C-alpha atoms as a PDB file:
ATOM      1  CA  MET A   1       3.936 -18.887  29.157  1.00  0.00           C
ATOM      2  CA  ARG A   2       3.943 -19.893  32.817  1.00  0.00           C
ATOM      3  CA  ALA A   3       5.735 -23.129  33.685  1.00  0.00           C
ATOM      4  CA  ASP A   4       2.512 -25.014  34.483  1.00  0.00           C
ATOM      5  CA  ALA A   5       0.852 -23.754  31.288  1.00  0.00           C
ATOM      6  CA  ARG A   6       3.931 -24.812  29.292  1.00  0.00           C
ATOM      7  CA  ARG A   7       3.797 -28.295  30.838  1.00  0.00           C
ATOM      8  CA  ASN A   8       0.090 -28.562  29.978  1.00  0.00           C
ATOM      9  CA  TYR A   9       0.803 -27.437  26.428  1.00  0.00           C
ATOM     10  CA  GLU A  10       3.579 -30.016  26.008  1.00  0.00           C
ATOM     11  CA  ARG A  11       1.457 -32.823  27.494  1.00  0.00           C
ATOM     12  CA  LEU A  12      -1.416 -31.912  25.176  1.00  0.00           C
ATOM     13  CA  LEU A  13       0.887 -32.025  22.148  1.00  0.00           C
ATOM     14  CA  LYS A  14       2.341 -35.371  23.206  1.00  0.00           C
ATOM     15  CA  GLU A  15      -1.051 -36.966  23.824  1.00  0.00           C
ATOM     16  CA  ALA A  16      -2.529 -35.448  20.659  1.00  0.00           C
ATOM     17  CA  ALA A  17       0.291 -36.959  18.599  1.00  0.00           C
ATOM     18  CA  VAL A  18      -0.458 -40.379  20.090  1.00  0.00           C
ATOM     19  CA  ALA A  19      -4.214 -39.987  19.594  1.00  0.00           C
ATOM     20  CA  PHE A  20      -3.862 -38.804  15.992  1.00  0.00           C
ATOM     21  CA  ALA A  21      -1.523 -41.719  15.270  1.00  0.00           C
ATOM     22  CA  GLU A  22      -4.090 -44.139  16.681  1.00  0.00           C
ATOM     23  CA  HIS A  23      -7.327 -42.595  15.377  1.00  0.00           C
ATOM     24  CA  GLY A  24      -6.404 -40.102  12.668  1.00  0.00           C
ATOM     25  CA  GLU A  25      -7.586 -36.519  12.564  1.00  0.00           C
ATOM     26  CA  SER A  26     -10.960 -37.420  14.106  1.00  0.00           C
ATOM     27  CA  ALA A  27      -9.452 -38.405  17.466  1.00  0.00           C
ATOM     28  CA  SER A  28     -11.563 -37.223  20.387  1.00  0.00           C
ATOM     29  CA  LEU A  29     -10.336 -33.905  21.751  1.00  0.00           C
ATOM     30  CA  ASP A  30     -11.928 -34.676  25.121  1.00  0.00           C
ATOM     31  CA  ASP A  31      -9.946 -37.925  25.287  1.00  0.00           C
ATOM     32  CA  ILE A  32      -6.766 -36.040  24.410  1.00  0.00           C
ATOM     33  CA  ALA A  33      -7.394 -33.615  27.274  1.00  0.00           C
ATOM     34  CA  LYS A  34      -8.084 -36.486  29.697  1.00  0.00           C
ATOM     35  CA  ARG A  35      -4.951 -38.353  28.612  1.00  0.00           C
ATOM     36  CA  ALA A  36      -2.945 -35.164  29.186  1.00  0.00           C
ATOM     37  CA  GLY A  37      -4.464 -34.769  32.655  1.00  0.00           C
ATOM     38  CA  VAL A  38      -6.158 -31.447  31.897  1.00  0.00           C
ATOM     39  CA  GLY A  39      -9.694 -30.265  31.317  1.00  0.00           C
ATOM     40  CA  SER A  40     -11.197 -29.567  27.915  1.00  0.00           C
ATOM     41  CA  GLY A  41     -11.104 -25.850  28.658  1.00  0.00           C
ATOM     42  CA  THR A  42      -7.322 -25.985  28.970  1.00  0.00           C
ATOM     43  CA  LEU A  43      -7.072 -27.767  25.628  1.00  0.00           C
ATOM     44  CA  TYR A  44      -9.250 -25.150  23.929  1.00  0.00           C
ATOM     45  CA  ARG A  45      -7.323 -22.259  25.506  1.00  0.00           C
ATOM     46  CA  HIS A  46      -4.156 -23.570  23.891  1.00  0.00           C
ATOM     47  CA  PHE A  47      -5.775 -24.888  20.687  1.00  0.00           C
ATOM     48  CA  PRO A  48      -9.074 -23.203  19.846  1.00  0.00           C
ATOM     49  CA  THR A  49      -9.748 -25.583  16.927  1.00  0.00           C
ATOM     50  CA  ARG A  50      -8.938 -29.131  15.918  1.00  0.00           C
ATOM     51  CA  ARG A  51      -6.930 -27.703  13.012  1.00  0.00           C
ATOM     52  CA  ALA A  52      -4.829 -25.612  15.379  1.00  0.00           C
ATOM     53  CA  LEU A  53      -3.996 -28.746  17.365  1.00  0.00           C
ATOM     54  CA  LEU A  54      -3.215 -30.737  14.213  1.00  0.00           C
ATOM     55  CA  GLU A  55      -0.930 -27.979  13.017  1.00  0.00           C
ATOM     56  CA  ALA A  56       0.895 -27.770  16.339  1.00  0.00           C
ATOM     57  CA  VAL A  57       1.425 -31.532  16.359  1.00  0.00           C
ATOM     58  CA  TYR A  58       2.725 -31.713  12.783  1.00  0.00           C
ATOM     59  CA  VAL A  59       4.480 -28.383  12.179  1.00  0.00           C
ATOM     60  CA  ASP A  60       7.956 -29.780  12.908  1.00  0.00           C
ATOM     61  CA  SER A  61       7.370 -32.773  10.626  1.00  0.00           C
ATOM     62  CA  VAL A  62       6.122 -30.515   7.840  1.00  0.00           C
ATOM     63  CA  GLU A  63       9.136 -28.245   8.171  1.00  0.00           C
ATOM     64  CA  ALA A  64      11.401 -31.322   8.032  1.00  0.00           C
ATOM     65  CA  LEU A  65       9.654 -32.431   4.821  1.00  0.00           C
ATOM     66  CA  ALA A  66      10.239 -28.984   3.339  1.00  0.00           C
ATOM     67  CA  VAL A  67      13.941 -29.097   4.278  1.00  0.00           C
ATOM     68  CA  ARG A  68      14.133 -32.591   2.820  1.00  0.00           C
ATOM     69  CA  ALA A  69      13.076 -31.163  -0.570  1.00  0.00           C
ATOM     70  CA  ASP A  70      16.265 -29.102  -0.696  1.00  0.00           C
ATOM     71  CA  GLN A  71      18.408 -32.066   0.359  1.00  0.00           C
ATOM     72  CA  ILE A  72      16.949 -34.256  -2.375  1.00  0.00           C
ATOM     73  CA  ALA A  73      17.367 -31.444  -4.918  1.00  0.00           C
ATOM     74  CA  ARG A  74      21.112 -31.404  -4.186  1.00  0.00           C
ATOM     75  CA  GLU A  75      21.356 -35.188  -4.666  1.00  0.00           C
ATOM     76  CA  LEU A  76      19.229 -35.821  -7.778  1.00  0.00           C
ATOM     77  CA  PRO A  77      18.440 -34.184 -11.124  1.00  0.00           C
ATOM     78  CA  PRO A  78      15.396 -31.868 -10.866  1.00  0.00           C
ATOM     79  CA  GLY A  79      12.783 -34.174 -12.391  1.00  0.00           C
ATOM     80  CA  GLU A  80      13.883 -37.114 -10.261  1.00  0.00           C
ATOM     81  CA  ALA A  81      14.120 -34.922  -7.174  1.00  0.00           C
ATOM     82  CA  LEU A  82      10.505 -33.829  -7.553  1.00  0.00           C
ATOM     83  CA  GLY A  83       9.325 -37.432  -7.867  1.00  0.00           C
ATOM     84  CA  GLU A  84      11.380 -38.632  -4.911  1.00  0.00           C
ATOM     85  CA  TRP A  85      10.211 -35.779  -2.680  1.00  0.00           C
ATOM     86  CA  LEU A  86       6.581 -36.374  -3.614  1.00  0.00           C
ATOM     87  CA  ASN A  87       7.038 -40.020  -2.653  1.00  0.00           C
ATOM     88  CA  GLU A  88       8.482 -39.030   0.734  1.00  0.00           C
ATOM     89  CA  LEU A  89       5.662 -36.538   1.241  1.00  0.00           C
ATOM     90  CA  GLY A  90       3.119 -39.240   0.407  1.00  0.00           C
ATOM     91  CA  GLU A  91       4.723 -41.744   2.752  1.00  0.00           C
ATOM     92  CA  GLY A  92       4.675 -39.086   5.475  1.00  0.00           C
ATOM     93  CA  MET A  93       0.961 -38.497   4.953  1.00  0.00           C
ATOM     94  CA  VAL A  94       0.301 -42.213   5.389  1.00  0.00           C
ATOM     95  CA  ARG A  95       2.656 -42.648   8.352  1.00  0.00           C
ATOM     96  CA  MET A  96       1.475 -39.596  10.288  1.00  0.00           C
ATOM     97  CA  ARG A  97      -2.272 -40.071  10.399  1.00  0.00           C
ATOM     98  CA  GLY A  98      -4.018 -36.726  10.461  1.00  0.00           C
ATOM     99  CA  LEU A  99      -1.337 -35.056   8.374  1.00  0.00           C
ATOM    100  CA  LYS A 100      -3.187 -35.814   5.134  1.00  0.00           C
ATOM    101  CA  ALA A 101      -6.300 -33.994   6.335  1.00  0.00           C
ATOM    102  CA  LEU A 102      -4.254 -31.031   7.492  1.00  0.00           C
ATOM    103  CA  LEU A 103      -2.345 -30.797   4.225  1.00  0.00           C
ATOM    104  CA  GLY A 104      -5.528 -31.250   2.225  1.00  0.00           C
ATOM    105  CA  SER A 105      -6.864 -28.114   3.831  1.00  0.00           C
ATOM    106  CA  ALA A 106      -3.544 -26.343   3.385  1.00  0.00           C
ATOM    107  CA  VAL A 107      -3.587 -26.852  -0.385  1.00  0.00           C
ATOM    108  CA  ALA A 108      -7.275 -26.077  -0.861  1.00  0.00           C
ATOM    109  CA  ASP A 109      -8.316 -22.786  -2.389  1.00  0.00           C
ATOM    110  CA  GLY A 110      -8.552 -20.029   0.217  1.00  0.00           C
ATOM    111  CA  CYS A 111      -6.778 -21.992   2.954  1.00  0.00           C
ATOM    112  CA  ALA A 112      -7.243 -20.578   6.421  1.00  0.00           C
ATOM    113  CA  PRO A 113      -4.416 -18.584   8.026  1.00  0.00           C
ATOM    114  CA  VAL A 114      -4.174 -21.120  10.865  1.00  0.00           C
ATOM    115  CA  LEU A 115      -2.767 -23.585   8.348  1.00  0.00           C
ATOM    116  CA  SER A 116      -0.033 -21.323   7.042  1.00  0.00           C
ATOM    117  CA  ALA A 117       2.663 -22.757   9.304  1.00  0.00           C
ATOM    118  CA  CYS A 118       2.133 -26.146   7.653  1.00  0.00           C
ATOM    119  CA  GLY A 119       0.987 -25.159   4.185  1.00  0.00           C
ATOM    120  CA  GLU A 120       3.499 -22.460   3.376  1.00  0.00           C
ATOM    121  CA  PRO A 121       6.735 -24.454   3.853  1.00  0.00           C
ATOM    122  CA  LEU A 122       5.402 -27.180   1.561  1.00  0.00           C
ATOM    123  CA  LYS A 123       4.185 -24.687  -1.024  1.00  0.00           C
ATOM    124  CA  ARG A 124       7.619 -23.058  -1.116  1.00  0.00           C
ATOM    125  CA  ALA A 125       9.412 -26.427  -1.279  1.00  0.00           C
ATOM    126  CA  VAL A 126       7.305 -27.778  -4.133  1.00  0.00           C
ATOM    127  CA  GLY A 127       7.612 -24.432  -5.892  1.00  0.00           C
ATOM    128  CA  ARG A 128      11.401 -24.751  -5.912  1.00  0.00           C
ATOM    129  CA  LEU A 129      11.259 -28.359  -7.117  1.00  0.00           C
ATOM    130  CA  VAL A 130       8.659 -27.678  -9.806  1.00  0.00           C
ATOM    131  CA  GLY A 131      10.556 -24.625 -11.051  1.00  0.00           C
ATOM    132  CA  ALA A 132      13.814 -26.570 -11.301  1.00  0.00           C
ATOM    133  CA  ALA A 133      12.138 -29.446 -13.169  1.00  0.00           C
ATOM    134  CA  GLN A 134      10.512 -26.976 -15.558  1.00  0.00           C
ATOM    135  CA  ARG A 135      13.831 -25.221 -16.215  1.00  0.00           C
ATOM    136  CA  GLU A 136      15.399 -28.631 -16.799  1.00  0.00           C
ATOM    137  CA  GLY A 137      12.668 -29.350 -19.340  1.00  0.00           C
ATOM    138  CA  THR A 138      11.375 -32.500 -17.640  1.00  0.00           C
ATOM    139  CA  LEU A 139       8.133 -30.956 -16.374  1.00  0.00           C
ATOM    140  CA  ARG A 140       5.456 -29.241 -18.422  1.00  0.00           C
ATOM    141  CA  ALA A 141       5.680 -25.459 -18.238  1.00  0.00           C
ATOM    142  CA  ASP A 142       1.965 -25.063 -17.514  1.00  0.00           C
ATOM    143  CA  VAL A 143       2.047 -27.105 -14.270  1.00  0.00           C
ATOM    144  CA  GLU A 144       1.518 -25.045 -11.120  1.00  0.00           C
ATOM    145  CA  PRO A 145       3.197 -26.088  -7.844  1.00  0.00           C
ATOM    146  CA  ILE A 146      -0.118 -26.081  -5.945  1.00  0.00           C
ATOM    147  CA  GLU A 147      -1.525 -28.476  -8.550  1.00  0.00           C
ATOM    148  CA  VAL A 148       1.328 -30.870  -7.865  1.00  0.00           C
ATOM    149  CA  LEU A 149       0.591 -30.809  -4.116  1.00  0.00           C
ATOM    150  CA  ARG A 150      -3.092 -31.402  -4.751  1.00  0.00           C
ATOM    151  CA  LEU A 151      -2.333 -34.298  -7.075  1.00  0.00           C
ATOM    152  CA  ALA A 152       0.074 -35.806  -4.521  1.00  0.00           C
ATOM    153  CA  HIS A 153      -2.697 -35.595  -1.928  1.00  0.00           C
ATOM    154  CA  GLY A 154      -4.970 -37.445  -4.356  1.00  0.00           C
ATOM    155  CA  VAL A 155      -2.331 -40.106  -4.989  1.00  0.00           C
ATOM    156  CA  VAL A 156      -2.113 -40.825  -1.264  1.00  0.00           C
ATOM    157  CA  THR A 157      -5.892 -41.148  -1.091  1.00  0.00           C
ATOM    158  CA  ALA A 158      -5.871 -43.495  -4.097  1.00  0.00           C
ATOM    159  CA  SER A 159      -3.117 -45.579  -2.519  1.00  0.00           C
ATOM    160  CA  GLU A 160      -5.065 -45.892   0.708  1.00  0.00           C
ATOM    161  CA  LEU A 161      -8.192 -46.894  -1.225  1.00  0.00           C
ATOM    162  CA  ALA A 162      -6.173 -49.665  -2.882  1.00  0.00           C
ATOM    163  CA  GLY A 163      -5.770 -51.185   0.576  1.00  0.00           C
ATOM    164  CA  GLY A 164      -2.010 -51.137   0.502  1.00  0.00           C
ATOM    165  CA  GLY A 165      -1.582 -48.707   3.373  1.00  0.00           C
ATOM    166  CA  GLY A 166       0.374 -46.464   1.064  1.00  0.00           C
ATOM    167  CA  SER A 167       2.375 -49.191  -0.671  1.00  0.00           C
ATOM    168  CA  CYS A 168       1.146 -48.017  -4.090  1.00  0.00           C
ATOM    169  CA  ILE A 169       2.324 -44.421  -3.688  1.00  0.00           C
ATOM    170  CA  ARG A 170       5.511 -44.753  -5.747  1.00  0.00           C
ATOM    171  CA  ARG A 171       3.655 -46.543  -8.581  1.00  0.00           C
ATOM    172  CA  TYR A 172       0.786 -44.052  -8.634  1.00  0.00           C
ATOM    173  CA  LEU A 173       3.196 -41.121  -8.556  1.00  0.00           C
ATOM    174  CA  SER A 174       5.053 -42.625 -11.485  1.00  0.00           C
ATOM    175  CA  LEU A 175       1.820 -42.966 -13.457  1.00  0.00           C
ATOM    176  CA  LEU A 176       0.893 -39.394 -12.571  1.00  0.00           C
ATOM    177  CA  THR A 177       4.257 -37.778 -13.321  1.00  0.00           C
ATOM    178  CA  GLU A 178       4.451 -39.425 -16.744  1.00  0.00           C
ATOM    179  CA  GLY A 179       1.450 -37.290 -17.657  1.00  0.00           C
ATOM    180  CA  LEU A 180       3.106 -34.146 -16.305  1.00  0.00           C
ATOM    181  CA  ARG A 181       6.295 -34.525 -18.303  1.00  0.00           C
ATOM    182  CA  ALA A 182       7.179 -31.976 -20.926  1.00  0.00           C
END
């Protein structure tokens, strides 16, 4: 990438992160381009879809969440590690507005390839945690990792609906995981 194109790309990412934090995933792409000092055409050359821009903004955060799963797994027993990581994932979805919509698409059936950079690390991370909890005997054997991600997404939505800005996540996860126990 040429130096000027790289600068435009970086400015677009920076301004998109600010706009998504302020307005969620529905932030105006035209406003993002204006804030970055480029035209809409430049934005669309770098990010042909809103999803592509969301993924570019959040890919590092998603990868950090996936790495965090392994760190927690080293610190806690498998069943507890799964619960703690799901709580951190949920808090991340609330804190980083727009991430919930991106991850919702990533865990939907037939997710688009553009989401793989965000969906795949989380799918692998939850797969490791779910497998360990199942081997430990604290998680039902018939629970699929993708189901756990989908349920976590639902818990975040429920917490937001409760008006607590995500403050209910730990409680709702606890209620949910009791039903998933072996």
